[in-house]
């Protein structure tokens, strides 16, 4: 079973992107994750801004845990 997480891409002034991963709640399908993000966008962005106060939100993604691992590790699983 795939697990989907919310990932917020945070862009710095030097064009560097940090990923802020929200691991709770998790979702069993991308549609449910997207619906949650749509309803809770403001609070999710506020949470990310607390961690990265000098960066702005580039985008919010719903991504499978496996795909996130590939992105972070840089290798196919």
Protein backbone atom coordinates (compact mmCIF):
# COMPACT_ATOMS: atom_id res chain seq x y z
CA UNK A 1 0.00 0.00 0.00
CA UNK A 2 1.34 3.43 -0.93
CA UNK A 3 1.49 6.18 1.66
CA UNK A 4 1.23 9.80 0.51
CA UNK A 5 2.74 12.77 2.35
CA UNK A 6 2.49 16.53 2.00
CA UNK A 7 5.72 18.14 0.82
CA UNK A 8 6.15 21.89 0.65
CA UNK A 9 8.95 23.25 -1.54
CA UNK A 10 10.50 26.34 0.05
CA UNK A 11 12.56 28.66 -2.17
CA UNK A 12 15.35 30.80 -0.76
CA UNK A 13 16.67 34.05 -2.19
CA UNK A 14 19.66 32.22 -3.73
CA UNK A 15 17.38 29.88 -5.74
CA UNK A 16 17.95 26.97 -3.36
CA UNK A 17 14.93 24.77 -2.61
CA UNK A 18 14.34 23.09 0.74
CA UNK A 19 11.65 20.48 1.22
CA UNK A 20 9.41 20.69 4.26
CA UNK A 21 7.76 17.30 4.78
CA UNK A 22 4.55 17.00 6.75
CA UNK A 23 4.39 13.39 7.89
CA UNK A 24 1.15 13.60 9.85
CA UNK A 25 -1.43 12.98 8.62
CA UNK A 26 -0.60 10.40 5.97
CA UNK A 27 -2.92 9.45 3.13
CA UNK A 28 -3.65 6.21 1.27
CA UNK A 29 -4.31 7.90 -2.07
CA UNK A 30 -3.28 11.18 -3.73
CA UNK A 31 -6.85 12.44 -4.13
CA UNK A 32 -7.45 12.45 -0.38
CA UNK A 33 -4.12 14.20 0.17
CA UNK A 34 -4.97 16.89 -2.39
CA UNK A 35 -8.39 17.45 -0.83
CA UNK A 36 -6.74 17.90 2.58
CA UNK A 37 -4.22 20.37 1.15
CA UNK A 38 -6.97 22.37 -0.55
CA UNK A 39 -8.91 22.72 2.70
CA UNK A 40 -5.85 23.40 4.90
CA UNK A 41 -3.54 25.38 2.62
CA UNK A 42 -3.15 28.40 4.93
CA UNK A 43 -2.30 26.40 8.04
CA UNK A 44 0.15 24.20 6.11
CA UNK A 45 1.94 27.25 4.72
CA UNK A 46 2.08 28.84 8.18
CA UNK A 47 3.65 25.66 9.53
CA UNK A 48 6.30 25.71 6.80
CA UNK A 49 6.97 29.43 7.35
CA UNK A 50 7.72 28.74 11.02
CA UNK A 51 10.52 26.39 9.94
CA UNK A 52 11.74 28.51 7.02
CA UNK A 53 10.88 32.13 7.92
CA UNK A 54 13.14 33.70 5.27
CA UNK A 55 11.89 31.54 2.39
CA UNK A 56 8.71 31.58 0.38
CA UNK A 57 6.49 28.70 -0.65
CA UNK A 58 7.24 27.57 -4.17
CA UNK A 59 4.66 24.78 -4.29
CA UNK A 60 2.78 22.20 -2.24
CA UNK A 61 2.85 18.56 -3.35
CA UNK A 62 1.23 15.30 -2.40
CA UNK A 63 3.85 12.67 -3.04
CA UNK A 64 4.26 9.00 -2.26
CA UNK A 65 6.68 8.12 0.50
CA UNK A 66 8.63 5.96 -1.97
CA UNK A 67 8.98 8.79 -4.51
CA UNK A 68 10.07 11.20 -1.77
CA UNK A 69 12.81 8.76 -0.79
CA UNK A 70 14.00 8.69 -4.41
CA UNK A 71 14.06 12.50 -4.53
CA UNK A 72 15.90 12.86 -1.22
CA UNK A 73 18.35 10.00 -1.77
CA UNK A 74 18.76 10.69 -5.47
CA UNK A 75 18.47 7.03 -6.47
CA UNK A 76 15.68 4.81 -7.76
CA UNK A 77 14.25 2.46 -5.15
